[in-house]
C-alpha atoms as a PDB file:
ATOM      1  CA  MET A   1       0.000   0.000   0.000  1.00  0.00           C
ATOM      2  CA  PRO A   2       1.180   3.577  -0.647  1.00  0.00           C
ATOM      3  CA  ILE A   3       2.103   5.925   2.185  1.00  0.00           C
ATOM      4  CA  ILE A   4       0.047   8.732   0.593  1.00  0.00           C
ATOM      5  CA  ASN A   5      -3.707   9.018   0.102  1.00  0.00           C
ATOM      6  CA  ARG A   6      -4.938  11.753  -2.269  1.00  0.00           C
ATOM      7  CA  CYS A   7      -8.452  13.096  -2.677  1.00  0.00           C
ATOM      8  CA  GLY A   8      -9.955  15.966  -4.682  1.00  0.00           C
ATOM      9  CA  ASP A   9      -9.361  17.617  -8.054  1.00  0.00           C
ATOM     10  CA  THR A  10      -5.622  17.906  -8.739  1.00  0.00           C
ATOM     11  CA  ASP A  11      -6.126  21.469 -10.008  1.00  0.00           C
ATOM     12  CA  LEU A  12      -7.308  22.632  -6.581  1.00  0.00           C
ATOM     13  CA  PRO A  13      -4.839  24.117  -4.059  1.00  0.00           C
ATOM     14  CA  ALA A  14      -3.048  21.387  -2.135  1.00  0.00           C
ATOM     15  CA  LEU A  15      -3.809  20.747   1.541  1.00  0.00           C
ATOM     16  CA  VAL A  16      -1.302  18.430   3.238  1.00  0.00           C
ATOM     17  CA  LEU A  17      -2.647  16.653   6.346  1.00  0.00           C
ATOM     18  CA  LEU A  18      -0.328  15.146   8.976  1.00  0.00           C
ATOM     19  CA  HIS A  19      -1.832  12.822  11.610  1.00  0.00           C
ATOM     20  CA  GLY A  20      -0.756  12.388  15.223  1.00  0.00           C
ATOM     21  CA  PHE A  21       1.260   9.755  17.087  1.00  0.00           C
ATOM     22  CA  LEU A  22      -0.239   6.246  16.692  1.00  0.00           C
ATOM     23  CA  GLY A  23      -2.381   7.428  13.742  1.00  0.00           C
ATOM     24  CA  SER A  24      -2.265   7.009   9.979  1.00  0.00           C
ATOM     25  CA  LYS A  25      -3.250   8.763   6.765  1.00  0.00           C
ATOM     26  CA  GLU A  26      -6.727   7.204   7.121  1.00  0.00           C
ATOM     27  CA  ASP A  27      -7.415   9.322  10.225  1.00  0.00           C
ATOM     28  CA  TRP A  28      -8.689  12.192   8.054  1.00  0.00           C
ATOM     29  CA  GLN A  29     -11.182  10.055   6.115  1.00  0.00           C
ATOM     30  CA  ALA A  30     -14.348  11.446   7.736  1.00  0.00           C
ATOM     31  CA  SER A  31     -13.429  15.041   6.820  1.00  0.00           C
ATOM     32  CA  LEU A  32     -12.230  14.400   3.256  1.00  0.00           C
ATOM     33  CA  PRO A  33     -15.626  14.429   1.468  1.00  0.00           C
ATOM     34  CA  ILE A  34     -16.019  18.067   2.500  1.00  0.00           C
ATOM     35  CA  LEU A  35     -12.390  19.201   2.376  1.00  0.00           C
ATOM     36  CA  SER A  36     -11.799  17.680  -1.063  1.00  0.00           C
ATOM     37  CA  GLN A  37     -14.452  19.916  -2.615  1.00  0.00           C
ATOM     38  CA  HIS A  38     -12.131  22.869  -1.994  1.00  0.00           C
ATOM     39  CA  PHE A  39      -8.627  21.365  -1.815  1.00  0.00           C
ATOM     40  CA  HIS A  40      -6.556  18.590  -3.306  1.00  0.00           C
ATOM     41  CA  CYS A  41      -6.034  16.714  -0.027  1.00  0.00           C
ATOM     42  CA  ILE A  42      -2.732  14.873   0.486  1.00  0.00           C
ATOM     43  CA  CYS A  43      -2.688  12.612   3.571  1.00  0.00           C
ATOM     44  CA  ILE A  44       0.691  11.117   4.474  1.00  0.00           C
ATOM     45  CA  ASP A  45       1.715   8.337   6.854  1.00  0.00           C
ATOM     46  CA  LEU A  46       4.296   9.783   9.241  1.00  0.00           C
ATOM     47  CA  PRO A  47       7.591   7.881   9.704  1.00  0.00           C
ATOM     48  CA  GLY A  48       7.040   4.719  11.747  1.00  0.00           C
ATOM     49  CA  HIS A  49       3.289   4.787  11.099  1.00  0.00           C
ATOM     50  CA  GLY A  50       1.041   2.997   8.628  1.00  0.00           C
ATOM     51  CA  GLU A  51       3.032   2.082   5.530  1.00  0.00           C
ATOM     52  CA  ASN A  52       5.925   4.454   6.209  1.00  0.00           C
ATOM     53  CA  GLU A  53       8.981   2.490   7.334  1.00  0.00           C
ATOM     54  CA  LEU A  54      11.382   5.461   7.367  1.00  0.00           C
ATOM     55  CA  ILE A  55      13.635   5.319  10.456  1.00  0.00           C
ATOM     56  CA  LEU A  56      14.398   8.781  11.795  1.00  0.00           C
ATOM     57  CA  PRO A  57      17.661   9.848  13.433  1.00  0.00           C
ATOM     58  CA  THR A  58      17.511  11.454  16.887  1.00  0.00           C
ATOM     59  CA  PRO A  59      16.322  14.160  16.837  1.00  0.00           C
ATOM     60  CA  GLY A  60      14.289  13.395  13.710  1.00  0.00           C
ATOM     61  CA  PHE A  61      12.308  16.559  12.984  1.00  0.00           C
ATOM     62  CA  GLU A  62      14.471  17.913  10.158  1.00  0.00           C
ATOM     63  CA  THR A  63      14.602  14.519   8.408  1.00  0.00           C
ATOM     64  CA  ALA A  64      10.831  14.120   8.705  1.00  0.00           C
ATOM     65  CA  ALA A  65      10.255  17.649   7.370  1.00  0.00           C
ATOM     66  CA  LYS A  66      12.460  17.011   4.327  1.00  0.00           C
ATOM     67  CA  PHE A  67      10.777  13.680   3.648  1.00  0.00           C
ATOM     68  CA  ILE A  68       7.298  15.236   3.666  1.00  0.00           C
ATOM     69  CA  VAL A  69       8.207  18.273   1.559  1.00  0.00           C
ATOM     70  CA  ASP A  70      10.051  16.097  -0.971  1.00  0.00           C
ATOM     71  CA  LYS A  71       7.018  13.803  -1.343  1.00  0.00           C
ATOM     72  CA  VAL A  72       4.584  16.674  -1.830  1.00  0.00           C
ATOM     73  CA  THR A  73       6.903  18.458  -4.265  1.00  0.00           C
ATOM     74  CA  GLU A  74       7.274  15.248  -6.294  1.00  0.00           C
ATOM     75  CA  LEU A  75       3.497  15.241  -6.676  1.00  0.00           C
ATOM     76  CA  GLY A  76       3.731  18.656  -8.331  1.00  0.00           C
ATOM     77  CA  TYR A  77       2.894  20.960  -5.414  1.00  0.00           C
ATOM     78  CA  PRO A  78       5.842  23.195  -4.497  1.00  0.00           C
ATOM     79  CA  ARG A  79       3.473  25.316  -2.346  1.00  0.00           C
ATOM     80  CA  PHE A  80       0.657  24.011  -0.182  1.00  0.00           C
ATOM     81  CA  HIS A  81      -1.570  24.566   2.833  1.00  0.00           C
ATOM     82  CA  LEU A  82      -0.305  22.504   5.782  1.00  0.00           C
ATOM     83  CA  LEU A  83      -2.409  21.058   8.612  1.00  0.00           C
ATOM     84  CA  GLY A  84      -0.937  18.947  11.385  1.00  0.00           C
ATOM     85  CA  TYR A  85      -2.504  17.313  14.433  1.00  0.00           C
ATOM     86  CA  SER A  86      -0.500  16.817  17.659  1.00  0.00           C
ATOM     87  CA  LEU A  87       2.782  15.128  16.572  1.00  0.00           C
ATOM     88  CA  GLY A  88       1.889  15.968  12.963  1.00  0.00           C
ATOM     89  CA  GLY A  89       1.597  19.606  13.996  1.00  0.00           C
ATOM     90  CA  ARG A  90       5.019  19.519  15.613  1.00  0.00           C
ATOM     91  CA  MET A  91       6.438  18.110  12.374  1.00  0.00           C
ATOM     92  CA  ALA A  92       4.547  20.832  10.502  1.00  0.00           C
ATOM     93  CA  LEU A  93       6.315  23.413  12.679  1.00  0.00           C
ATOM     94  CA  HIS A  94       9.639  22.097  11.422  1.00  0.00           C
ATOM     95  CA  ILE A  95       8.462  22.250   7.820  1.00  0.00           C
ATOM     96  CA  ALA A  96       7.660  25.902   8.567  1.00  0.00           C
ATOM     97  CA  LYS A  97      11.158  26.324   9.980  1.00  0.00           C
ATOM     98  CA  PHE A  98      13.122  24.691   7.167  1.00  0.00           C
ATOM     99  CA  TYR A  99      10.791  25.275   4.191  1.00  0.00           C
ATOM    100  CA  PRO A 100       8.826  28.476   4.929  1.00  0.00           C
ATOM    101  CA  GLN A 101       8.618  29.309   1.226  1.00  0.00           C
ATOM    102  CA  SER A 102       6.531  26.155   0.656  1.00  0.00           C
ATOM    103  CA  LEU A 103       3.632  27.193   2.890  1.00  0.00           C
ATOM    104  CA  LEU A 104       0.435  28.937   1.822  1.00  0.00           C
ATOM    105  CA  SER A 105      -0.866  28.623   5.391  1.00  0.00           C
ATOM    106  CA  LEU A 106      -0.175  26.652   8.567  1.00  0.00           C
ATOM    107  CA  VAL A 107      -2.851  25.126  10.807  1.00  0.00           C
ATOM    108  CA  LEU A 108      -1.780  23.392  14.025  1.00  0.00           C
ATOM    109  CA  GLU A 109      -4.434  21.233  15.693  1.00  0.00           C
ATOM    110  CA  SER A 110      -3.865  20.560  19.412  1.00  0.00           C
ATOM    111  CA  SER A 111      -0.122  20.785  18.880  1.00  0.00           C
ATOM    112  CA  HIS A 112       2.642  21.951  21.218  1.00  0.00           C
ATOM    113  CA  LEU A 113       4.980  24.751  20.109  1.00  0.00           C
ATOM    114  CA  GLY A 114       7.777  23.492  22.332  1.00  0.00           C
ATOM    115  CA  LEU A 115       9.055  23.695  25.900  1.00  0.00           C
ATOM    116  CA  THR A 116      10.970  26.788  26.992  1.00  0.00           C
ATOM    117  CA  THR A 117      13.409  25.646  29.717  1.00  0.00           C
ATOM    118  CA  MET A 118      16.031  22.927  29.942  1.00  0.00           C
ATOM    119  CA  LYS A 119      14.390  21.638  33.133  1.00  0.00           C
ATOM    120  CA  GLU A 120      11.055  21.168  31.302  1.00  0.00           C
ATOM    121  CA  LYS A 121      12.820  19.386  28.468  1.00  0.00           C
ATOM    122  CA  GLN A 122      14.721  17.025  30.791  1.00  0.00           C
ATOM    123  CA  THR A 123      11.508  16.211  32.652  1.00  0.00           C
ATOM    124  CA  ARG A 124       9.729  15.461  29.373  1.00  0.00           C
ATOM    125  CA  LEU A 125      12.593  13.266  28.112  1.00  0.00           C
ATOM    126  CA  SER A 126      12.414  11.286  31.363  1.00  0.00           C
ATOM    127  CA  GLN A 127       8.633  10.863  31.009  1.00  0.00           C
ATOM    128  CA  ASP A 128       8.949   9.829  27.388  1.00  0.00           C
ATOM    129  CA  GLN A 129      11.593   7.247  28.263  1.00  0.00           C
ATOM    130  CA  LYS A 130       9.111   5.611  30.650  1.00  0.00           C
ATOM    131  CA  TRP A 131       6.541   5.393  27.848  1.00  0.00           C
ATOM    132  CA  ALA A 132       9.226   4.061  25.502  1.00  0.00           C
ATOM    133  CA  ASP A 133      10.065   1.346  28.040  1.00  0.00           C
ATOM    134  CA  LYS A 134       6.396   0.349  28.186  1.00  0.00           C
ATOM    135  CA  LEU A 135       6.206   0.239  24.397  1.00  0.00           C
ATOM    136  CA  THR A 136       9.276  -2.005  24.352  1.00  0.00           C
ATOM    137  CA  SER A 137       8.267  -4.392  27.115  1.00  0.00           C
ATOM    138  CA  GLU A 138       4.456  -4.649  26.999  1.00  0.00           C
ATOM    139  CA  PRO A 139       1.972  -5.909  24.395  1.00  0.00           C
ATOM    140  CA  ILE A 140       0.798  -3.079  22.156  1.00  0.00           C
ATOM    141  CA  GLY A 141      -2.767  -3.402  23.477  1.00  0.00           C
ATOM    142  CA  ASP A 142      -1.637  -2.937  27.075  1.00  0.00           C
ATOM    143  CA  PHE A 143       0.502   0.060  26.111  1.00  0.00           C
ATOM    144  CA  LEU A 144      -2.429   1.684  24.293  1.00  0.00           C
ATOM    145  CA  ALA A 145      -4.823   1.061  27.191  1.00  0.00           C
ATOM    146  CA  GLN A 146      -2.485   3.056  29.424  1.00  0.00           C
ATOM    147  CA  TRP A 147      -1.734   5.701  26.769  1.00  0.00           C
ATOM    148  CA  TYR A 148      -5.388   6.617  26.327  1.00  0.00           C
ATOM    149  CA  GLN A 149      -5.851   7.021  30.071  1.00  0.00           C
ATOM    150  CA  GLN A 150      -3.828  10.228  29.953  1.00  0.00           C
ATOM    151  CA  ALA A 151      -5.655  13.392  30.998  1.00  0.00           C
ATOM    152  CA  VAL A 152      -5.524  14.868  27.504  1.00  0.00           C
ATOM    153  CA  PHE A 153      -7.822  12.043  26.313  1.00  0.00           C
ATOM    154  CA  ALA A 154     -10.268  12.371  29.218  1.00  0.00           C
ATOM    155  CA  GLU A 155     -13.177  13.243  26.924  1.00  0.00           C
ATOM    156  CA  LEU A 156     -13.117   9.796  25.288  1.00  0.00           C
ATOM    157  CA  SER A 157     -15.953   7.446  26.221  1.00  0.00           C
ATOM    158  CA  LEU A 158     -15.191   3.825  27.085  1.00  0.00           C
ATOM    159  CA  ASP A 159     -16.464   2.768  23.659  1.00  0.00           C
ATOM    160  CA  GLU A 160     -14.390   5.387  21.830  1.00  0.00           C
ATOM    161  CA  ARG A 161     -11.306   4.392  23.787  1.00  0.00           C
ATOM    162  CA  ALA A 162     -11.855   0.696  22.992  1.00  0.00           C
ATOM    163  CA  LYS A 163     -12.264   1.421  19.284  1.00  0.00           C
ATOM    164  CA  LEU A 164      -9.078   3.490  19.209  1.00  0.00           C
ATOM    165  CA  ILE A 165      -7.125   0.737  20.950  1.00  0.00           C
ATOM    166  CA  ALA A 166      -8.394  -1.824  18.429  1.00  0.00           C
ATOM    167  CA  ILE A 167      -7.410   0.355  15.458  1.00  0.00           C
ATOM    168  CA  ARG A 168      -4.039   1.433  16.843  1.00  0.00           C
ATOM    169  CA  SER A 169      -3.060  -2.125  17.817  1.00  0.00           C
ATOM    170  CA  LYS A 170      -2.268  -2.768  14.143  1.00  0.00           C
ATOM    171  CA  ASN A 171       0.806  -0.526  14.404  1.00  0.00           C
ATOM    172  CA  ASN A 172       4.334  -1.913  14.497  1.00  0.00           C
ATOM    173  CA  PRO A 173       5.599  -1.265  18.068  1.00  0.00           C
ATOM    174  CA  GLN A 174       9.271  -1.135  17.017  1.00  0.00           C
ATOM    175  CA  ALA A 175       8.580   1.390  14.267  1.00  0.00           C
ATOM    176  CA  LEU A 176       6.505   3.503  16.658  1.00  0.00           C
ATOM    177  CA  LEU A 177       9.298   3.369  19.227  1.00  0.00           C
ATOM    178  CA  HIS A 178      11.855   4.836  16.806  1.00  0.00           C
ATOM    179  CA  CYS A 179       9.501   7.676  15.869  1.00  0.00           C
ATOM    180  CA  TYR A 180       8.444   8.371  19.458  1.00  0.00           C
ATOM    181  CA  LYS A 181      11.991   8.642  20.805  1.00  0.00           C
ATOM    182  CA  SER A 182      13.283  10.736  17.899  1.00  0.00           C
ATOM    183  CA  THR A 183      10.419  13.245  18.085  1.00  0.00           C
ATOM    184  CA  SER A 184      10.116  13.734  21.838  1.00  0.00           C
ATOM    185  CA  LEU A 185       8.842  17.151  22.886  1.00  0.00           C
ATOM    186  CA  GLY A 186      11.996  17.264  25.006  1.00  0.00           C
ATOM    187  CA  LEU A 187      14.094  17.332  21.816  1.00  0.00           C
ATOM    188  CA  GLN A 188      12.001  19.974  20.082  1.00  0.00           C
ATOM    189  CA  GLU A 189      13.128  23.582  19.855  1.00  0.00           C
ATOM    190  CA  ASN A 190      10.547  26.170  20.829  1.00  0.00           C
ATOM    191  CA  GLY A 191       8.579  27.019  17.703  1.00  0.00           C
ATOM    192  CA  GLN A 192       7.298  30.437  18.727  1.00  0.00           C
ATOM    193  CA  HIS A 193      10.149  32.254  16.982  1.00  0.00           C
ATOM    194  CA  VAL A 194       9.444  30.243  13.814  1.00  0.00           C
ATOM    195  CA  LEU A 195       5.852  31.490  13.724  1.00  0.00           C
ATOM    196  CA  LYS A 196       6.898  35.095  14.314  1.00  0.00           C
ATOM    197  CA  HIS A 197       8.947  35.041  11.104  1.00  0.00           C
ATOM    198  CA  LEU A 198       6.449  33.202   8.881  1.00  0.00           C
ATOM    199  CA  HIS A 199       4.890  35.215   6.068  1.00  0.00           C
ATOM    200  CA  CYS A 200       1.786  33.022   5.741  1.00  0.00           C
ATOM    201  CA  PRO A 201      -1.343  32.909   7.943  1.00  0.00           C
ATOM    202  CA  THR A 202      -0.954  30.702  11.032  1.00  0.00           C
ATOM    203  CA  TYR A 203      -3.694  29.146  13.150  1.00  0.00           C
ATOM    204  CA  MET A 204      -4.064  26.998  16.249  1.00  0.00           C
ATOM    205  CA  LEU A 205      -7.210  24.876  16.329  1.00  0.00           C
ATOM    206  CA  VAL A 206      -8.289  23.431  19.682  1.00  0.00           C
ATOM    207  CA  GLY A 207     -11.261  21.608  21.150  1.00  0.00           C
ATOM    208  CA  GLN A 208     -13.311  23.434  23.755  1.00  0.00           C
ATOM    209  CA  GLN A 209     -13.091  20.448  26.108  1.00  0.00           C
ATOM    210  CA  ASP A 210      -9.277  20.305  25.859  1.00  0.00           C
ATOM    211  CA  SER A 211      -8.505  22.607  28.788  1.00  0.00           C
ATOM    212  CA  LYS A 212      -4.721  22.162  28.569  1.00  0.00           C
ATOM    213  CA  PHE A 213      -4.343  23.160  24.926  1.00  0.00           C
ATOM    214  CA  SER A 214      -7.079  25.790  25.082  1.00  0.00           C
ATOM    215  CA  GLN A 215      -5.050  27.537  27.776  1.00  0.00           C
ATOM    216  CA  LEU A 216      -1.758  27.095  25.928  1.00  0.00           C
ATOM    217  CA  ALA A 217      -3.298  28.381  22.696  1.00  0.00           C
ATOM    218  CA  GLN A 218      -4.380  31.604  24.383  1.00  0.00           C
ATOM    219  CA  GLN A 219      -0.834  32.125  25.670  1.00  0.00           C
ATOM    220  CA  TRP A 220       0.651  31.455  22.242  1.00  0.00           C
ATOM    221  CA  GLN A 221      -1.852  33.790  20.594  1.00  0.00           C
ATOM    222  CA  GLN A 222      -0.272  36.601  22.597  1.00  0.00           C
ATOM    223  CA  SER A 223       3.361  35.540  22.277  1.00  0.00           C
ATOM    224  CA  ALA A 224       3.523  34.051  18.773  1.00  0.00           C
ATOM    225  CA  GLY A 225       0.754  35.803  16.859  1.00  0.00           C
ATOM    226  CA  LEU A 226      -1.337  32.709  16.249  1.00  0.00           C
ATOM    227  CA  THR A 227      -5.017  33.016  15.441  1.00  0.00           C
ATOM    228  CA  VAL A 228      -6.854  30.607  17.774  1.00  0.00           C
ATOM    229  CA  ILE A 229      -9.913  28.685  16.570  1.00  0.00           C
ATOM    230  CA  THR A 230     -11.979  26.819  19.183  1.00  0.00           C
ATOM    231  CA  ILE A 231     -14.381  24.030  18.193  1.00  0.00           C
ATOM    232  CA  ALA A 232     -17.249  23.210  20.573  1.00  0.00           C
ATOM    233  CA  ASP A 233     -18.103  19.672  21.727  1.00  0.00           C
ATOM    234  CA  SER A 234     -14.629  18.312  21.056  1.00  0.00           C
ATOM    235  CA  GLY A 235     -11.484  17.495  23.004  1.00  0.00           C
ATOM    236  CA  HIS A 236      -7.878  16.934  21.958  1.00  0.00           C
ATOM    237  CA  ASN A 237      -8.682  15.246  18.634  1.00  0.00           C
ATOM    238  CA  VAL A 238     -11.048  17.742  17.025  1.00  0.00           C
ATOM    239  CA  HIS A 239     -11.177  16.178  13.553  1.00  0.00           C
ATOM    240  CA  LYS A 240     -12.239  12.848  15.037  1.00  0.00           C
ATOM    241  CA  ALA A 241     -14.882  14.275  17.362  1.00  0.00           C
ATOM    242  CA  GLN A 242     -16.403  16.783  14.917  1.00  0.00           C
ATOM    243  CA  PRO A 243     -15.229  15.907  11.378  1.00  0.00           C
ATOM    244  CA  SER A 244     -17.858  17.929   9.502  1.00  0.00           C
ATOM    245  CA  VAL A 245     -17.579  21.007  11.713  1.00  0.00           C
ATOM    246  CA  PHE A 246     -13.797  20.702  11.575  1.00  0.00           C
ATOM    247  CA  ALA A 247     -13.766  20.538   7.762  1.00  0.00           C
ATOM    248  CA  ALA A 248     -16.174  23.464   7.402  1.00  0.00           C
ATOM    249  CA  LYS A 249     -14.061  25.604   9.744  1.00  0.00           C
ATOM    250  CA  ILE A 250     -10.860  24.770   7.831  1.00  0.00           C
ATOM    251  CA  ILE A 251     -12.510  25.759   4.533  1.00  0.00           C
ATOM    252  CA  GLN A 252     -13.907  28.968   5.995  1.00  0.00           C
ATOM    253  CA  THR A 253     -10.558  29.886   7.579  1.00  0.00           C
ATOM    254  CA  LEU A 254      -8.316  29.204   4.599  1.00  0.00           C
ATOM    255  CA  HIS A 255     -10.645  30.800   2.065  1.00  0.00           C
ATOM    256  CA  ALA A 256     -10.854  33.916   4.218  1.00  0.00           C
END
């Protein structure tokens, strides 16, 4: 199977969609019927996910950014709108850093701009190592059951959590491990200065029920010049909770 899924008239402006950790290019499927009426949608499996077997160095952000931009450029789109969720948003930040001339716009969904102190970064690296150890030593289903108990996923119902675990259990744990360790938030530079120097519109999209990222987004709106978009009745994963509302808001925002 290919690592890229494309949808929509090829003459339309390109919209590149990057999923989050544990996800795949299929994660955007529910929003594509609406989005593809206005954009040529390009959904890509991130390294270590789905069909993408690329092994990243540590840190891996620059390699991932080059890989994504090269793939999209090969398809004939040297400039594109870019939308990334969570880990995909953090990779999108690095595309903005290394390839700013490629972007028509940047939309970050529930995505962290980066930690600001060495102490925060060391704490995060220590936390991520504990998760990496679990991913190495435990069955993927057990790891996922613990992963989705984190506070950021509190809005998930028991049924939604069970469905996610079933879908995500198809991932290759070793491939996920390489990606997870090489893209730790503790290794990421703070992206606020990147956004300040971008010449394209930049947005942060958050779910109303995601208190952590709603609060962070308001801080970043002041410090980095982001335009914050809040979607009601959704948590951390807005496009999963409200795919139609999400798609309509993206169309409205980018056309404006």
